[in-house]
């Protein structure tokens, strides 16, 4: 009986550890208007990981690509502010994407 309890506790421990690891890498991205017709986005992950090299896309309201690039070594991406409606997509892979509407980006 004691052996079964230890095995069950071990399995529960592994499941909780795995769940914690999955949730520890949540993508983070915020963008702000620099006041000089440019936008800067900063990215990272909830576990403190850098977002250097993560792809960023800027699309118009219909999903047409306006520009794309990557976060630099400081996990930043700066671009000229598009005219009209746009959105920024921080794309660190499946399940790790953040979409920010241009209307939510302020100085």
C-alpha atoms as a PDB file:
ATOM      1  CA  UNK A   1       0.000   0.000   0.000  1.00  0.00           C
ATOM      2  CA  UNK A   2       2.812   2.410   0.902  1.00  0.00           C
ATOM      3  CA  UNK A   3       4.577   1.663  -2.397  1.00  0.00           C
ATOM      4  CA  UNK A   4       1.440   2.621  -4.381  1.00  0.00           C
ATOM      5  CA  UNK A   5       1.144   5.898  -2.455  1.00  0.00           C
ATOM      6  CA  UNK A   6       4.775   6.779  -3.201  1.00  0.00           C
ATOM      7  CA  UNK A   7       4.321   5.978  -6.899  1.00  0.00           C
ATOM      8  CA  UNK A   8       1.151   8.131  -7.011  1.00  0.00           C
ATOM      9  CA  UNK A   9       2.931  11.035  -5.296  1.00  0.00           C
ATOM     10  CA  UNK A  10       5.815  10.696  -7.753  1.00  0.00           C
ATOM     11  CA  UNK A  11       3.472  10.834 -10.724  1.00  0.00           C
ATOM     12  CA  UNK A  12       1.611  13.842  -9.297  1.00  0.00           C
ATOM     13  CA  UNK A  13       4.954  15.570  -8.688  1.00  0.00           C
ATOM     14  CA  UNK A  14       6.076  15.000 -12.280  1.00  0.00           C
ATOM     15  CA  UNK A  15       2.764  16.295 -13.646  1.00  0.00           C
ATOM     16  CA  UNK A  16       2.924  19.436 -11.527  1.00  0.00           C
ATOM     17  CA  UNK A  17       6.535  20.053 -12.505  1.00  0.00           C
ATOM     18  CA  UNK A  18       5.681  19.617 -16.189  1.00  0.00           C
ATOM     19  CA  UNK A  19       2.724  21.983 -15.891  1.00  0.00           C
ATOM     20  CA  UNK A  20       4.937  24.556 -14.210  1.00  0.00           C
ATOM     21  CA  UNK A  21       7.521  24.336 -16.966  1.00  0.00           C
ATOM     22  CA  UNK A  22       4.880  24.781 -19.653  1.00  0.00           C
ATOM     23  CA  UNK A  23       3.538  27.909 -18.000  1.00  0.00           C
ATOM     24  CA  UNK A  24       6.975  29.355 -17.211  1.00  0.00           C
ATOM     25  CA  UNK A  25       7.653  30.424 -20.797  1.00  0.00           C
ATOM     26  CA  UNK A  26       4.735  32.765 -21.473  1.00  0.00           C
ATOM     27  CA  UNK A  27       5.507  35.382 -24.152  1.00  0.00           C
ATOM     28  CA  UNK A  28       5.371  39.058 -23.191  1.00  0.00           C
ATOM     29  CA  UNK A  29       5.307  42.027 -25.548  1.00  0.00           C
ATOM     30  CA  UNK A  30       4.421  45.678 -25.202  1.00  0.00           C
ATOM     31  CA  UNK A  31       4.666  48.515 -27.699  1.00  0.00           C
ATOM     32  CA  UNK A  32       4.758  52.267 -27.300  1.00  0.00           C
ATOM     33  CA  UNK A  33       4.709  55.307 -29.560  1.00  0.00           C
ATOM     34  CA  UNK A  34       8.028  57.175 -29.378  1.00  0.00           C
ATOM     35  CA  UNK A  35       6.378  60.470 -30.349  1.00  0.00           C
ATOM     36  CA  UNK A  36       8.595  60.791 -33.424  1.00  0.00           C
ATOM     37  CA  UNK A  37       6.518  58.730 -35.891  1.00  0.00           C
ATOM     38  CA  UNK A  38       8.163  55.482 -34.734  1.00  0.00           C
ATOM     39  CA  UNK A  39       6.918  52.610 -32.593  1.00  0.00           C
ATOM     40  CA  UNK A  40       9.083  50.456 -30.319  1.00  0.00           C
ATOM     41  CA  UNK A  41       8.044  47.018 -29.126  1.00  0.00           C
ATOM     42  CA  UNK A  42       9.782  45.209 -26.289  1.00  0.00           C
ATOM     43  CA  UNK A  43       9.478  41.465 -25.868  1.00  0.00           C
ATOM     44  CA  UNK A  44      10.530  38.674 -23.590  1.00  0.00           C
ATOM     45  CA  UNK A  45       9.267  35.660 -21.715  1.00  0.00           C
ATOM     46  CA  UNK A  46       7.863  35.238 -18.232  1.00  0.00           C
ATOM     47  CA  UNK A  47      10.838  33.100 -17.190  1.00  0.00           C
ATOM     48  CA  UNK A  48      13.199  36.001 -17.978  1.00  0.00           C
ATOM     49  CA  UNK A  49      14.337  34.644 -21.347  1.00  0.00           C
ATOM     50  CA  UNK A  50      15.362  37.106 -24.028  1.00  0.00           C
ATOM     51  CA  UNK A  51      13.222  37.589 -27.118  1.00  0.00           C
ATOM     52  CA  UNK A  52      16.240  38.395 -29.306  1.00  0.00           C
ATOM     53  CA  UNK A  53      15.590  36.990 -32.782  1.00  0.00           C
ATOM     54  CA  UNK A  54      11.834  36.569 -32.314  1.00  0.00           C
ATOM     55  CA  UNK A  55       9.908  37.506 -35.456  1.00  0.00           C
ATOM     56  CA  UNK A  56       7.670  40.571 -35.473  1.00  0.00           C
ATOM     57  CA  UNK A  57       5.169  41.397 -38.196  1.00  0.00           C
ATOM     58  CA  UNK A  58       3.186  44.559 -38.784  1.00  0.00           C
ATOM     59  CA  UNK A  59      -0.024  44.031 -40.729  1.00  0.00           C
ATOM     60  CA  UNK A  60      -2.808  46.306 -41.902  1.00  0.00           C
ATOM     61  CA  UNK A  61      -6.429  45.819 -40.782  1.00  0.00           C
ATOM     62  CA  UNK A  62      -6.975  43.226 -43.548  1.00  0.00           C
ATOM     63  CA  UNK A  63      -3.963  41.133 -42.533  1.00  0.00           C
ATOM     64  CA  UNK A  64      -1.716  42.317 -45.371  1.00  0.00           C
ATOM     65  CA  UNK A  65       1.956  42.393 -44.404  1.00  0.00           C
ATOM     66  CA  UNK A  66       3.309  45.930 -44.074  1.00  0.00           C
ATOM     67  CA  UNK A  67       6.713  44.975 -42.700  1.00  0.00           C
ATOM     68  CA  UNK A  68       8.503  42.270 -40.788  1.00  0.00           C
ATOM     69  CA  UNK A  69      11.647  41.972 -38.768  1.00  0.00           C
ATOM     70  CA  UNK A  70      13.127  40.479 -35.632  1.00  0.00           C
ATOM     71  CA  UNK A  71      13.689  41.582 -32.080  1.00  0.00           C
ATOM     72  CA  UNK A  72      17.248  42.863 -31.688  1.00  0.00           C
ATOM     73  CA  UNK A  73      19.789  41.795 -29.057  1.00  0.00           C
ATOM     74  CA  UNK A  74      17.956  43.974 -26.518  1.00  0.00           C
ATOM     75  CA  UNK A  75      14.608  42.267 -27.318  1.00  0.00           C
ATOM     76  CA  UNK A  76      13.351  45.432 -29.039  1.00  0.00           C
ATOM     77  CA  UNK A  77      11.934  46.158 -32.473  1.00  0.00           C
ATOM     78  CA  UNK A  78      11.475  49.745 -33.711  1.00  0.00           C
ATOM     79  CA  UNK A  79       9.638  50.663 -36.903  1.00  0.00           C
ATOM     80  CA  UNK A  80       8.055  53.642 -38.655  1.00  0.00           C
ATOM     81  CA  UNK A  81       4.455  54.086 -37.567  1.00  0.00           C
ATOM     82  CA  UNK A  82       2.142  53.074 -40.427  1.00  0.00           C
ATOM     83  CA  UNK A  83      -0.642  55.379 -41.526  1.00  0.00           C
ATOM     84  CA  UNK A  84      -4.074  53.894 -40.996  1.00  0.00           C
ATOM     85  CA  UNK A  85      -5.064  50.880 -38.942  1.00  0.00           C
ATOM     86  CA  UNK A  86      -2.427  48.266 -38.145  1.00  0.00           C
ATOM     87  CA  UNK A  87      -1.512  45.525 -35.718  1.00  0.00           C
ATOM     88  CA  UNK A  88       1.777  44.155 -34.413  1.00  0.00           C
ATOM     89  CA  UNK A  89       2.284  40.397 -34.124  1.00  0.00           C
ATOM     90  CA  UNK A  90       5.023  39.087 -31.830  1.00  0.00           C
ATOM     91  CA  UNK A  91       5.543  35.560 -33.182  1.00  0.00           C
ATOM     92  CA  UNK A  92       7.702  33.236 -31.093  1.00  0.00           C
ATOM     93  CA  UNK A  93       6.071  30.137 -32.603  1.00  0.00           C
ATOM     94  CA  UNK A  94       2.875  28.180 -32.171  1.00  0.00           C
ATOM     95  CA  UNK A  95       1.173  29.049 -28.903  1.00  0.00           C
ATOM     96  CA  UNK A  96       3.592  31.924 -28.321  1.00  0.00           C
ATOM     97  CA  UNK A  97       2.045  34.739 -30.355  1.00  0.00           C
ATOM     98  CA  UNK A  98       0.822  38.100 -29.178  1.00  0.00           C
ATOM     99  CA  UNK A  99      -1.227  40.479 -31.303  1.00  0.00           C
ATOM    100  CA  UNK A 100      -1.334  44.164 -30.396  1.00  0.00           C
ATOM    101  CA  UNK A 101      -3.812  46.469 -32.126  1.00  0.00           C
ATOM    102  CA  UNK A 102      -2.269  49.788 -33.178  1.00  0.00           C
ATOM    103  CA  UNK A 103      -5.131  51.581 -31.384  1.00  0.00           C
ATOM    104  CA  UNK A 104      -3.702  50.277 -28.101  1.00  0.00           C
ATOM    105  CA  UNK A 105      -0.243  51.777 -28.669  1.00  0.00           C
ATOM    106  CA  UNK A 106       0.174  55.143 -26.967  1.00  0.00           C
ATOM    107  CA  UNK A 107       2.934  57.673 -26.431  1.00  0.00           C
END
